[in-house]
Structure formats: C-alpha cells, structure tokens
Amino acid sequence: HWRSMAGAPDQEMFETIRRDGIDLLIDLSLHTSDNRLNVFARKPAPLQLSWLGYPESSGLTAMDYRISDRHLEPPAGNKLAAPQEKAWLHPDCWTCFEPADGYPEVSPLPSADGRPFTFGCFNNTCKINTAVLNAWSRILLATPGSRLCLLTKPGSHRRHLTEVLVSLGVEAHRLNFVDYQPRSASLSQGALLGRYHAIDLALDTFPYNGMSTTLDALWMGVPVVSLVDRRNLGRAGLSLLSNVGLPQFAAPSVDAYVDLAIKISQDKSTLAVLRANLRSRMQASPLLDAANFTRKLEVGFRDMWVEWFTR
C-alpha cells in the first residue's frame, strides 16, 4: 500500500516504518533537497539502500547498499562510502528512461543549412564552474563562428557566465540563453525538448555530469561530449553514453574533452547520421527497456536481502 509521509516529523516517519515492518527501505533523494537522510541514519529498516536521485555515497554507516553500475562505479571504488555501504552493480545502467509526454520529433542537424554551429548545455547552472567555462571557451575559440546555448535564469546567472566567457576571449554575441518554463496545462515538459532543435552538439558539465539532461539530449538526436571523473558523479555520462553505444564520446581528461568536441563539430556528416538514428539506438538500448531493467533490479533486491539474512 501507499503512505504519504511528506512533511512528517522524523520521529513519526521512523515509527511508521518500524510499525509497518518494512524490510527494504530505499532512498531516492540522497543529498538533494528535502531528503530524509536523518530518518535513514536511525536505521528504521534492517536493509537500507540509496538509488537514483544522486549517484554518490550517502556517507551514512546506516546505509547498506547503493545502486550503481560498472561504468558509474569508479575502478578504484568510492572513497567517500563507509565500508558498510556496498555498491550493487546493475548489469546495464543504474537508471532507466521514459521520455516526457509531448516530445517533438528529431529535427535535421541545424548547422547543415548554413546556420552557425551551436553547442549547448541545459544542465543546472550550479554545475557550471570555472573549469567548465575554461574548457568551453577553448572549444568556442577553436571553432570560429560557433555559438553556445545555455539554459539559465535571467539576471545575475547570465551576467556572470557572460562576464567569465568574455574575459576568456569569447564574444558576448556568441552566447544564447533560454529561459526555464514551468509545465502548465498548455505546455508539457516534453514540448520543451524542442529546444534541442537548435543544438548541434551538447557539452556535459564536470565534475558533476548531467543525467536526465543527457538522456533528453540523446533522445532528441543530440550526442553529448562528457568528461569521465574519478567519482560517481562524474561518470554518469560514461554510463549513459556506453549504453547507447557511444563510449567514445566520454573523454578521459579535460584536454581530451576539448579536442573531442572540436573534432566532432568539424564532422557534420557523422553528426547528421547520428542525429537521424540516435533515438532508435536509445529505443533498442537497455535505457528504455523498463521491464528488463526492473527484473534485474528485483534480482538485486533479492540478492541483497539473502546476503543480509544469511550474515
């Protein structure tokens, strides 16, 4: 059955979970806003795990597992996780994707008709740091006439981004900004994906990669250049790109990231072909096979429970 515990005090939530006899308690927020990690820290269920909302360690000794995958998990392991928090690796990808309602069809490559080549990033502005802006400026300066399109709120965000990029040699007229628009009765979130009709190539943020933003871009036929980091947060791009057969779009260093974006921008024929078939690639990938994803996740839940029960 379903209980809404939104806004309930920690003690009430803790007691309700205990009273209901929950065996496996799953956190979907982790360190994002309005999380309930204080409840998890008190261990109301015998088996607790984190998944989906934030692909990192909880930092809690009370968390038993986190859902990850072989791409998302750093080869050297997660240095932030307590020894008690194990990584359970989904055989394909730690996440699954369902396009938002009302999405448009994929458009032809926008620069193919003579328009300026446009890089884009629709990640949250808080993921855009000085290192990212430095890399983007190098890409723009190496591709004369190109543009950069960013999703930001009007005001100080745009002024700051413009000031930094201009200080790095990028002319202000090469920057395009689009507004956030809340979903309404007349506007679905899927319809907002039409913004990708103006983007030739997406640039990921680092060290905190995009996740749903990357999936949206790929669904709209726009490949994403990502940077692979040593932490889970910086390996989401690698995981998603690998699951659609594009691991070569995940660069191992900042220099490689810059060089890759420049190289790809100069190969419009390849970009046009990718744009035409990327959605079908996604449809045939594990990323959109919700039933298969769920079966494998259920096996994981069972294995975790058996392991805990037989300790």
C-alpha atoms as a PDB file:
ATOM      1  CA  HIS A   1       0.000   0.000   0.000  1.00  0.00           C
ATOM      2  CA  TRP A   2       0.982   3.631  -0.192  1.00  0.00           C
ATOM      3  CA  ARG A   3       1.639   6.104   2.584  1.00  0.00           C
ATOM      4  CA  SER A   4       2.369   9.760   2.027  1.00  0.00           C
ATOM      5  CA  MET A   5       4.812  10.909   4.679  1.00  0.00           C
ATOM      6  CA  ALA A   6       5.576  14.280   3.111  1.00  0.00           C
ATOM      7  CA  GLY A   7       6.306  16.788   5.836  1.00  0.00           C
ATOM      8  CA  ALA A   8       6.027  14.246   8.633  1.00  0.00           C
ATOM      9  CA  PRO A   9       8.492  14.713  11.519  1.00  0.00           C
ATOM     10  CA  ASP A  10      11.446  12.324  11.551  1.00  0.00           C
ATOM     11  CA  GLN A  11      10.213  10.508  14.650  1.00  0.00           C
ATOM     12  CA  GLU A  12       6.777   9.892  13.135  1.00  0.00           C
ATOM     13  CA  MET A  13       8.304   8.572   9.926  1.00  0.00           C
ATOM     14  CA  PHE A  14      10.711   6.361  11.850  1.00  0.00           C
ATOM     15  CA  GLU A  15       7.917   4.865  13.950  1.00  0.00           C
ATOM     16  CA  THR A  16       5.659   4.321  10.912  1.00  0.00           C
ATOM     17  CA  ILE A  17       8.364   2.442   9.006  1.00  0.00           C
ATOM     18  CA  ARG A  18       9.071   0.272  12.051  1.00  0.00           C
ATOM     19  CA  ARG A  19       5.368  -0.371  12.672  1.00  0.00           C
ATOM     20  CA  ASP A  20       4.751  -1.346   9.046  1.00  0.00           C
ATOM     21  CA  GLY A  21       7.566  -3.881   9.222  1.00  0.00           C
ATOM     22  CA  ILE A  22       9.440  -2.591   6.180  1.00  0.00           C
ATOM     23  CA  ASP A  23      12.243  -4.985   5.236  1.00  0.00           C
ATOM     24  CA  LEU A  24      13.942  -2.987   2.486  1.00  0.00           C
ATOM     25  CA  LEU A  25      13.909   0.818   2.623  1.00  0.00           C
ATOM     26  CA  ILE A  26      15.008   2.730  -0.482  1.00  0.00           C
ATOM     27  CA  ASP A  27      16.127   6.362  -0.545  1.00  0.00           C
ATOM     28  CA  LEU A  28      15.539   8.204  -3.838  1.00  0.00           C
ATOM     29  CA  SER A  29      16.833  11.642  -2.827  1.00  0.00           C
ATOM     30  CA  LEU A  30      20.150  11.247  -1.036  1.00  0.00           C
ATOM     31  CA  HIS A  31      21.795  14.697  -0.829  1.00  0.00           C
ATOM     32  CA  THR A  32      19.237  16.544  -2.937  1.00  0.00           C
ATOM     33  CA  SER A  33      16.708  18.943  -1.423  1.00  0.00           C
ATOM     34  CA  ASP A  34      14.106  17.781   1.111  1.00  0.00           C
ATOM     35  CA  ASN A  35      15.867  14.455   1.681  1.00  0.00           C
ATOM     36  CA  ARG A  36      15.116  12.317   4.749  1.00  0.00           C
ATOM     37  CA  LEU A  37      18.612  11.038   5.500  1.00  0.00           C
ATOM     38  CA  ASN A  38      18.067  11.801   9.185  1.00  0.00           C
ATOM     39  CA  VAL A  39      15.467   9.035   9.189  1.00  0.00           C
ATOM     40  CA  PHE A  40      17.757   6.585   7.386  1.00  0.00           C
ATOM     41  CA  ALA A  41      20.546   7.378   9.855  1.00  0.00           C
ATOM     42  CA  ARG A  42      18.360   5.955  12.631  1.00  0.00           C
ATOM     43  CA  LYS A  43      18.084   2.615  10.759  1.00  0.00           C
ATOM     44  CA  PRO A  44      14.295   2.059  10.797  1.00  0.00           C
ATOM     45  CA  ALA A  45      14.607  -0.911   8.400  1.00  0.00           C
ATOM     46  CA  PRO A  46      17.039  -3.842   8.512  1.00  0.00           C
ATOM     47  CA  LEU A  47      18.178  -3.292   4.914  1.00  0.00           C
ATOM     48  CA  GLN A  48      18.601   0.234   3.500  1.00  0.00           C
ATOM     49  CA  LEU A  49      19.863   1.421   0.135  1.00  0.00           C
ATOM     50  CA  SER A  50      20.128   4.575  -1.966  1.00  0.00           C
ATOM     51  CA  TRP A  51      19.312   4.891  -5.620  1.00  0.00           C
ATOM     52  CA  LEU A  52      18.664   7.265  -8.480  1.00  0.00           C
ATOM     53  CA  GLY A  53      18.370  10.802  -7.095  1.00  0.00           C
ATOM     54  CA  TYR A  54      22.072  11.410  -6.634  1.00  0.00           C
ATOM     55  CA  PRO A  55      24.612   8.812  -7.799  1.00  0.00           C
ATOM     56  CA  GLU A  56      27.039   9.078  -4.895  1.00  0.00           C
ATOM     57  CA  SER A  57      27.654   7.695  -1.448  1.00  0.00           C
ATOM     58  CA  SER A  58      25.215   8.577   1.305  1.00  0.00           C
ATOM     59  CA  GLY A  59      28.051   8.972   3.786  1.00  0.00           C
ATOM     60  CA  LEU A  60      25.918   7.041   6.306  1.00  0.00           C
ATOM     61  CA  THR A  61      27.090   3.970   8.172  1.00  0.00           C
ATOM     62  CA  ALA A  62      23.392   3.014   8.321  1.00  0.00           C
ATOM     63  CA  MET A  63      23.140   2.615   4.520  1.00  0.00           C
ATOM     64  CA  ASP A  64      23.805  -0.917   3.316  1.00  0.00           C
ATOM     65  CA  TYR A  65      23.903  -0.520  -0.462  1.00  0.00           C
ATOM     66  CA  ARG A  66      23.809   1.983  -3.298  1.00  0.00           C
ATOM     67  CA  ILE A  67      22.588   1.092  -6.790  1.00  0.00           C
ATOM     68  CA  SER A  68      25.362   1.670  -9.302  1.00  0.00           C
ATOM     69  CA  ASP A  69      26.722   0.042 -12.463  1.00  0.00           C
ATOM     70  CA  ARG A  70      30.099  -0.950 -13.876  1.00  0.00           C
ATOM     71  CA  HIS A  71      30.511   2.393 -15.676  1.00  0.00           C
ATOM     72  CA  LEU A  72      29.223   4.612 -12.889  1.00  0.00           C
ATOM     73  CA  GLU A  73      31.337   2.982 -10.199  1.00  0.00           C
ATOM     74  CA  PRO A  74      34.972   4.226 -10.148  1.00  0.00           C
ATOM     75  CA  PRO A  75      37.513   1.447 -10.815  1.00  0.00           C
ATOM     76  CA  ALA A  76      39.206   2.314  -7.503  1.00  0.00           C
ATOM     77  CA  GLY A  77      35.879   2.267  -5.657  1.00  0.00           C
ATOM     78  CA  ASN A  78      34.048   5.067  -3.901  1.00  0.00           C
ATOM     79  CA  LYS A  79      36.400   6.712  -1.418  1.00  0.00           C
ATOM     80  CA  LEU A  80      33.562   8.528   0.365  1.00  0.00           C
ATOM     81  CA  ALA A  81      31.476   5.480   1.202  1.00  0.00           C
ATOM     82  CA  ALA A  82      31.576   3.840   4.598  1.00  0.00           C
ATOM     83  CA  PRO A  83      32.728   0.195   4.489  1.00  0.00           C
ATOM     84  CA  GLN A  84      29.162  -0.889   5.304  1.00  0.00           C
ATOM     85  CA  GLU A  85      27.776   0.768   2.152  1.00  0.00           C
ATOM     86  CA  LYS A  86      28.332  -1.622  -0.742  1.00  0.00           C
ATOM     87  CA  ALA A  87      27.855  -0.899  -4.423  1.00  0.00           C
ATOM     88  CA  TRP A  88      25.378  -3.197  -6.145  1.00  0.00           C
ATOM     89  CA  LEU A  89      26.094  -3.041  -9.869  1.00  0.00           C
ATOM     90  CA  HIS A  90      23.125  -3.177 -12.202  1.00  0.00           C
ATOM     91  CA  PRO A  91      24.174  -5.265 -15.244  1.00  0.00           C
ATOM     92  CA  ASP A  92      23.281  -2.443 -17.670  1.00  0.00           C
ATOM     93  CA  CYS A  93      22.753   1.013 -16.208  1.00  0.00           C
ATOM     94  CA  TRP A  94      21.836   2.391 -12.819  1.00  0.00           C
ATOM     95  CA  THR A  95      18.876   4.240 -14.341  1.00  0.00           C
ATOM     96  CA  CYS A  96      16.136   3.864 -16.913  1.00  0.00           C
ATOM     97  CA  PHE A  97      14.475   6.485 -19.128  1.00  0.00           C
ATOM     98  CA  GLU A  98      10.963   7.384 -20.164  1.00  0.00           C
ATOM     99  CA  PRO A  99      10.637  10.452 -22.420  1.00  0.00           C
ATOM    100  CA  ALA A 100       8.383  13.203 -21.117  1.00  0.00           C
ATOM    101  CA  ASP A 101       4.922  13.451 -22.674  1.00  0.00           C
ATOM    102  CA  GLY A 102       4.584  15.707 -25.679  1.00  0.00           C
ATOM    103  CA  TYR A 103       8.125  15.366 -27.015  1.00  0.00           C
ATOM    104  CA  PRO A 104       8.701  16.526 -30.620  1.00  0.00           C
ATOM    105  CA  GLU A 105      10.279  14.638 -33.476  1.00  0.00           C
ATOM    106  CA  VAL A 106      14.023  14.866 -34.081  1.00  0.00           C
ATOM    107  CA  SER A 107      14.994  17.741 -36.380  1.00  0.00           C
ATOM    108  CA  PRO A 108      17.707  17.801 -39.045  1.00  0.00           C
ATOM    109  CA  LEU A 109      21.148  18.964 -37.971  1.00  0.00           C
ATOM    110  CA  PRO A 110      20.641  22.744 -37.524  1.00  0.00           C
ATOM    111  CA  SER A 111      24.071  23.762 -38.871  1.00  0.00           C
ATOM    112  CA  ALA A 112      23.551  21.716 -42.031  1.00  0.00           C
ATOM    113  CA  ASP A 113      21.567  24.555 -43.594  1.00  0.00           C
ATOM    114  CA  GLY A 114      24.302  27.128 -43.061  1.00  0.00           C
ATOM    115  CA  ARG A 115      23.407  28.327 -39.571  1.00  0.00           C
ATOM    116  CA  PRO A 116      26.265  28.741 -37.056  1.00  0.00           C
ATOM    117  CA  PHE A 117      27.314  25.536 -35.363  1.00  0.00           C
ATOM    118  CA  THR A 118      25.728  25.550 -31.908  1.00  0.00           C
ATOM    119  CA  PHE A 119      26.996  23.823 -28.791  1.00  0.00           C
ATOM    120  CA  GLY A 120      24.525  23.559 -25.942  1.00  0.00           C
ATOM    121  CA  CYS A 121      24.203  22.686 -22.286  1.00  0.00           C
ATOM    122  CA  PHE A 122      20.860  22.617 -20.461  1.00  0.00           C
ATOM    123  CA  ASN A 123      22.228  21.405 -17.127  1.00  0.00           C
ATOM    124  CA  ASN A 124      21.509  23.280 -13.921  1.00  0.00           C
ATOM    125  CA  THR A 125      23.647  26.417 -13.723  1.00  0.00           C
ATOM    126  CA  CYS A 126      25.091  25.300 -10.374  1.00  0.00           C
ATOM    127  CA  LYS A 127      27.017  22.583 -12.255  1.00  0.00           C
ATOM    128  CA  ILE A 128      28.826  25.172 -14.400  1.00  0.00           C
ATOM    129  CA  ASN A 129      32.112  26.078 -12.717  1.00  0.00           C
ATOM    130  CA  THR A 130      35.306  27.866 -13.720  1.00  0.00           C
ATOM    131  CA  ALA A 131      36.950  24.716 -15.100  1.00  0.00           C
ATOM    132  CA  VAL A 132      33.908  24.029 -17.275  1.00  0.00           C
ATOM    133  CA  LEU A 133      33.852  27.602 -18.593  1.00  0.00           C
ATOM    134  CA  ASN A 134      37.563  27.439 -19.353  1.00  0.00           C
ATOM    135  CA  ALA A 135      37.043  24.266 -21.385  1.00  0.00           C
ATOM    136  CA  TRP A 136      34.054  25.726 -23.211  1.00  0.00           C
ATOM    137  CA  SER A 137      35.969  28.881 -24.090  1.00  0.00           C
ATOM    138  CA  ARG A 138      38.751  26.784 -25.620  1.00  0.00           C
ATOM    139  CA  ILE A 139      36.180  24.912 -27.705  1.00  0.00           C
ATOM    140  CA  LEU A 140      34.476  28.093 -28.898  1.00  0.00           C
ATOM    141  CA  LEU A 141      37.743  29.844 -29.747  1.00  0.00           C
ATOM    142  CA  ALA A 142      38.843  26.830 -31.796  1.00  0.00           C
ATOM    143  CA  THR A 143      35.566  26.758 -33.760  1.00  0.00           C
ATOM    144  CA  PRO A 144      35.166  30.253 -35.277  1.00  0.00           C
ATOM    145  CA  GLY A 145      31.584  31.431 -35.686  1.00  0.00           C
ATOM    146  CA  SER A 146      30.160  28.791 -33.375  1.00  0.00           C
ATOM    147  CA  ARG A 147      27.602  29.548 -30.676  1.00  0.00           C
ATOM    148  CA  LEU A 148      26.914  28.310 -27.142  1.00  0.00           C
ATOM    149  CA  CYS A 149      23.337  27.940 -25.890  1.00  0.00           C
ATOM    150  CA  LEU A 150      22.668  27.693 -22.137  1.00  0.00           C
ATOM    151  CA  LEU A 151      19.534  27.233 -20.040  1.00  0.00           C
ATOM    152  CA  THR A 152      19.692  29.868 -17.293  1.00  0.00           C
ATOM    153  CA  LYS A 153      17.502  32.232 -15.379  1.00  0.00           C
ATOM    154  CA  PRO A 154      17.672  35.905 -16.404  1.00  0.00           C
ATOM    155  CA  GLY A 155      19.755  38.192 -14.233  1.00  0.00           C
ATOM    156  CA  SER A 156      22.943  37.514 -12.311  1.00  0.00           C
ATOM    157  CA  HIS A 157      23.409  33.972 -13.671  1.00  0.00           C
ATOM    158  CA  ARG A 158      23.596  35.195 -17.246  1.00  0.00           C
ATOM    159  CA  ARG A 159      25.711  38.203 -16.375  1.00  0.00           C
ATOM    160  CA  HIS A 160      28.237  36.031 -14.553  1.00  0.00           C
ATOM    161  CA  LEU A 161      28.514  33.453 -17.337  1.00  0.00           C
ATOM    162  CA  THR A 162      28.851  36.170 -19.949  1.00  0.00           C
ATOM    163  CA  GLU A 163      31.484  38.080 -17.982  1.00  0.00           C
ATOM    164  CA  VAL A 164      33.630  34.993 -17.443  1.00  0.00           C
ATOM    165  CA  LEU A 165      33.445  33.787 -21.044  1.00  0.00           C
ATOM    166  CA  VAL A 166      34.119  37.280 -22.406  1.00  0.00           C
ATOM    167  CA  SER A 167      37.169  37.524 -20.116  1.00  0.00           C
ATOM    168  CA  LEU A 168      38.357  34.290 -21.711  1.00  0.00           C
ATOM    169  CA  GLY A 169      38.073  35.752 -25.208  1.00  0.00           C
ATOM    170  CA  VAL A 170      34.573  34.677 -26.292  1.00  0.00           C
ATOM    171  CA  GLU A 171      32.455  37.448 -27.836  1.00  0.00           C
ATOM    172  CA  ALA A 172      29.186  38.012 -25.998  1.00  0.00           C
ATOM    173  CA  HIS A 173      27.113  37.723 -29.181  1.00  0.00           C
ATOM    174  CA  ARG A 174      28.134  34.075 -29.450  1.00  0.00           C
ATOM    175  CA  LEU A 175      26.191  33.233 -26.272  1.00  0.00           C
ATOM    176  CA  ASN A 176      22.492  32.374 -26.421  1.00  0.00           C
ATOM    177  CA  PHE A 177      20.342  31.928 -23.322  1.00  0.00           C
ATOM    178  CA  VAL A 178      16.965  30.234 -22.997  1.00  0.00           C
ATOM    179  CA  ASP A 179      14.525  30.565 -20.095  1.00  0.00           C
ATOM    180  CA  TYR A 180      13.189  27.977 -17.698  1.00  0.00           C
ATOM    181  CA  GLN A 181       9.487  27.403 -18.334  1.00  0.00           C
ATOM    182  CA  PRO A 182       7.286  25.586 -15.799  1.00  0.00           C
ATOM    183  CA  ARG A 183       4.941  22.922 -17.041  1.00  0.00           C
ATOM    184  CA  SER A 184       1.363  24.091 -17.444  1.00  0.00           C
ATOM    185  CA  ALA A 185      -1.912  22.906 -18.935  1.00  0.00           C
ATOM    186  CA  SER A 186      -0.792  24.253 -22.293  1.00  0.00           C
ATOM    187  CA  LEU A 187       2.893  23.326 -22.089  1.00  0.00           C
ATOM    188  CA  SER A 188       4.264  19.852 -21.359  1.00  0.00           C
ATOM    189  CA  GLN A 189       7.833  19.188 -20.313  1.00  0.00           C
ATOM    190  CA  GLY A 190       8.222  17.058 -23.408  1.00  0.00           C
ATOM    191  CA  ALA A 191       7.454  20.037 -25.631  1.00  0.00           C
ATOM    192  CA  LEU A 192      10.392  21.877 -24.083  1.00  0.00           C
ATOM    193  CA  LEU A 193      12.704  19.290 -25.638  1.00  0.00           C
ATOM    194  CA  GLY A 194      12.139  21.202 -28.867  1.00  0.00           C
ATOM    195  CA  ARG A 195      14.959  23.450 -27.652  1.00  0.00           C
ATOM    196  CA  TYR A 196      17.327  20.774 -28.876  1.00  0.00           C
ATOM    197  CA  HIS A 197      16.268  21.543 -32.457  1.00  0.00           C
ATOM    198  CA  ALA A 198      18.743  24.438 -32.269  1.00  0.00           C
ATOM    199  CA  ILE A 199      21.638  22.395 -30.811  1.00  0.00           C
ATOM    200  CA  ASP A 200      24.214  20.532 -32.912  1.00  0.00           C
ATOM    201  CA  LEU A 201      26.297  19.077 -30.089  1.00  0.00           C
ATOM    202  CA  ALA A 202      25.754  19.031 -26.312  1.00  0.00           C
ATOM    203  CA  LEU A 203      28.539  19.664 -23.812  1.00  0.00           C
ATOM    204  CA  ASP A 204      28.330  17.970 -20.435  1.00  0.00           C
ATOM    205  CA  THR A 205      29.306  19.587 -17.139  1.00  0.00           C
ATOM    206  CA  PHE A 206      32.023  18.264 -14.836  1.00  0.00           C
ATOM    207  CA  PRO A 207      32.854  17.010 -12.304  1.00  0.00           C
ATOM    208  CA  TYR A 208      29.066  16.724 -11.786  1.00  0.00           C
ATOM    209  CA  ASN A 209      27.722  15.258 -15.022  1.00  0.00           C
ATOM    210  CA  GLY A 210      24.229  15.666 -16.350  1.00  0.00           C
ATOM    211  CA  MET A 211      21.830  12.764 -16.018  1.00  0.00           C
ATOM    212  CA  SER A 212      18.236  13.374 -17.146  1.00  0.00           C
ATOM    213  CA  THR A 213      19.588  16.275 -19.215  1.00  0.00           C
ATOM    214  CA  THR A 214      21.934  13.925 -21.053  1.00  0.00           C
ATOM    215  CA  LEU A 215      19.113  11.458 -21.645  1.00  0.00           C
ATOM    216  CA  ASP A 216      16.919  14.243 -23.030  1.00  0.00           C
ATOM    217  CA  ALA A 217      19.654  15.355 -25.423  1.00  0.00           C
ATOM    218  CA  LEU A 218      20.264  11.824 -26.700  1.00  0.00           C
ATOM    219  CA  TRP A 219      16.519  11.292 -27.174  1.00  0.00           C
ATOM    220  CA  MET A 220      16.454  14.399 -29.355  1.00  0.00           C
ATOM    221  CA  GLY A 221      19.300  13.096 -31.516  1.00  0.00           C
ATOM    222  CA  VAL A 222      21.968  15.319 -29.957  1.00  0.00           C
ATOM    223  CA  PRO A 223      25.144  13.488 -28.908  1.00  0.00           C
ATOM    224  CA  VAL A 224      26.834  14.618 -25.698  1.00  0.00           C
ATOM    225  CA  VAL A 225      30.545  15.114 -25.090  1.00  0.00           C
ATOM    226  CA  SER A 226      31.216  14.153 -21.477  1.00  0.00           C
ATOM    227  CA  LEU A 227      34.216  14.076 -19.166  1.00  0.00           C
ATOM    228  CA  VAL A 228      34.923  10.974 -17.074  1.00  0.00           C
ATOM    229  CA  ASP A 229      35.894  11.772 -13.492  1.00  0.00           C
ATOM    230  CA  ARG A 230      37.172   9.607 -10.643  1.00  0.00           C
ATOM    231  CA  ARG A 231      33.924   9.967  -8.659  1.00  0.00           C
ATOM    232  CA  ASN A 232      30.497   8.519  -9.367  1.00  0.00           C
ATOM    233  CA  LEU A 233      29.079  11.989 -10.005  1.00  0.00           C
ATOM    234  CA  GLY A 234      31.477  12.404 -12.895  1.00  0.00           C
ATOM    235  CA  ARG A 235      30.798   9.049 -14.528  1.00  0.00           C
ATOM    236  CA  ALA A 236      27.090   9.325 -15.324  1.00  0.00           C
ATOM    237  CA  GLY A 237      27.874  10.484 -18.855  1.00  0.00           C
ATOM    238  CA  LEU A 238      30.105   7.466 -19.443  1.00  0.00           C
ATOM    239  CA  SER A 239      27.363   5.118 -18.263  1.00  0.00           C
ATOM    240  CA  LEU A 240      24.599   6.641 -20.388  1.00  0.00           C
ATOM    241  CA  LEU A 241      26.764   7.001 -23.495  1.00  0.00           C
ATOM    242  CA  SER A 242      28.059   3.436 -23.158  1.00  0.00           C
ATOM    243  CA  ASN A 243      24.511   2.130 -23.008  1.00  0.00           C
ATOM    244  CA  VAL A 244      23.713   3.679 -26.408  1.00  0.00           C
ATOM    245  CA  GLY A 245      26.967   2.500 -27.964  1.00  0.00           C
ATOM    246  CA  LEU A 246      28.806   5.844 -27.787  1.00  0.00           C
ATOM    247  CA  PRO A 247      31.518   5.366 -25.132  1.00  0.00           C
ATOM    248  CA  GLN A 248      33.943   7.256 -27.388  1.00  0.00           C
ATOM    249  CA  PHE A 249      32.038  10.462 -26.535  1.00  0.00           C
ATOM    250  CA  ALA A 250      33.257  10.190 -22.911  1.00  0.00           C
ATOM    251  CA  ALA A 251      36.692  11.792 -22.653  1.00  0.00           C
ATOM    252  CA  PRO A 252      39.315  10.806 -20.039  1.00  0.00           C
ATOM    253  CA  SER A 253      40.731  14.325 -19.473  1.00  0.00           C
ATOM    254  CA  VAL A 254      39.854  17.987 -19.935  1.00  0.00           C
ATOM    255  CA  ASP A 255      42.219  18.289 -22.895  1.00  0.00           C
ATOM    256  CA  ALA A 256      40.661  15.214 -24.488  1.00  0.00           C
ATOM    257  CA  TYR A 257      37.180  16.645 -23.810  1.00  0.00           C
ATOM    258  CA  VAL A 258      38.082  19.888 -25.585  1.00  0.00           C
ATOM    259  CA  ASP A 259      39.765  18.127 -28.511  1.00  0.00           C
ATOM    260  CA  LEU A 260      36.846  15.715 -28.886  1.00  0.00           C
ATOM    261  CA  ALA A 261      34.243  18.488 -29.006  1.00  0.00           C
ATOM    262  CA  ILE A 262      36.277  20.378 -31.621  1.00  0.00           C
ATOM    263  CA  LYS A 263      36.820  17.256 -33.727  1.00  0.00           C
ATOM    264  CA  ILE A 264      33.163  16.218 -33.662  1.00  0.00           C
ATOM    265  CA  SER A 265      31.966  19.721 -34.545  1.00  0.00           C
ATOM    266  CA  GLN A 266      34.017  19.533 -37.739  1.00  0.00           C
ATOM    267  CA  ASP A 267      32.383  16.272 -38.858  1.00  0.00           C
ATOM    268  CA  LYS A 268      28.862  17.342 -39.742  1.00  0.00           C
ATOM    269  CA  SER A 269      28.171  14.288 -41.888  1.00  0.00           C
ATOM    270  CA  THR A 270      28.721  11.968 -38.911  1.00  0.00           C
ATOM    271  CA  LEU A 271      26.660  14.249 -36.678  1.00  0.00           C
ATOM    272  CA  ALA A 272      23.813  14.242 -39.196  1.00  0.00           C
ATOM    273  CA  VAL A 273      23.791  10.438 -39.327  1.00  0.00           C
ATOM    274  CA  LEU A 274      23.911  10.204 -35.536  1.00  0.00           C
ATOM    275  CA  ARG A 275      21.084  12.679 -35.212  1.00  0.00           C
ATOM    276  CA  ALA A 276      18.938  10.612 -37.527  1.00  0.00           C
ATOM    277  CA  ASN A 277      19.445   7.303 -35.710  1.00  0.00           C
ATOM    278  CA  LEU A 278      20.208   8.169 -32.095  1.00  0.00           C
ATOM    279  CA  ARG A 279      16.589   7.904 -30.989  1.00  0.00           C
ATOM    280  CA  SER A 280      16.263   4.436 -32.488  1.00  0.00           C
ATOM    281  CA  ARG A 281      19.512   3.492 -30.768  1.00  0.00           C
ATOM    282  CA  MET A 282      18.015   4.558 -27.471  1.00  0.00           C
ATOM    283  CA  GLN A 283      14.809   2.654 -28.140  1.00  0.00           C
ATOM    284  CA  ALA A 284      16.838  -0.518 -28.724  1.00  0.00           C
ATOM    285  CA  SER A 285      19.080   0.062 -25.696  1.00  0.00           C
ATOM    286  CA  PRO A 286      18.710  -1.019 -22.059  1.00  0.00           C
ATOM    287  CA  LEU A 287      17.887   2.602 -21.216  1.00  0.00           C
ATOM    288  CA  LEU A 288      14.322   2.258 -22.495  1.00  0.00           C
ATOM    289  CA  ASP A 289      13.734  -1.401 -21.623  1.00  0.00           C
ATOM    290  CA  ALA A 290      11.891  -0.745 -18.364  1.00  0.00           C
ATOM    291  CA  ALA A 291      10.645  -4.319 -17.927  1.00  0.00           C
ATOM    292  CA  ASN A 292      14.091  -5.855 -18.294  1.00  0.00           C
ATOM    293  CA  PHE A 293      15.597  -3.154 -16.080  1.00  0.00           C
ATOM    294  CA  THR A 294      13.043  -3.914 -13.372  1.00  0.00           C
ATOM    295  CA  ARG A 295      13.550  -7.684 -13.496  1.00  0.00           C
ATOM    296  CA  LYS A 296      17.289  -7.234 -12.981  1.00  0.00           C
ATOM    297  CA  LEU A 297      16.752  -4.729 -10.177  1.00  0.00           C
ATOM    298  CA  GLU A 298      14.359  -7.150  -8.466  1.00  0.00           C
ATOM    299  CA  VAL A 299      17.029  -9.853  -8.627  1.00  0.00           C
ATOM    300  CA  GLY A 300      19.375  -7.378  -6.965  1.00  0.00           C
ATOM    301  CA  PHE A 301      16.894  -6.664  -4.178  1.00  0.00           C
ATOM    302  CA  ARG A 302      16.501 -10.375  -3.558  1.00  0.00           C
ATOM    303  CA  ASP A 303      20.278 -10.956  -3.551  1.00  0.00           C
ATOM    304  CA  MET A 304      20.802  -8.100  -1.103  1.00  0.00           C
ATOM    305  CA  TRP A 305      18.133  -9.486   1.201  1.00  0.00           C
ATOM    306  CA  VAL A 306      19.518 -13.025   1.090  1.00  0.00           C
ATOM    307  CA  GLU A 307      23.024 -11.747   1.808  1.00  0.00           C
ATOM    308  CA  TRP A 308      21.788  -9.735   4.785  1.00  0.00           C
ATOM    309  CA  PHE A 309      19.607 -12.570   6.080  1.00  0.00           C
ATOM    310  CA  THR A 310      22.453 -15.114   5.954  1.00  0.00           C
ATOM    311  CA  ARG A 311      25.115 -12.960   7.640  1.00  0.00           C
END
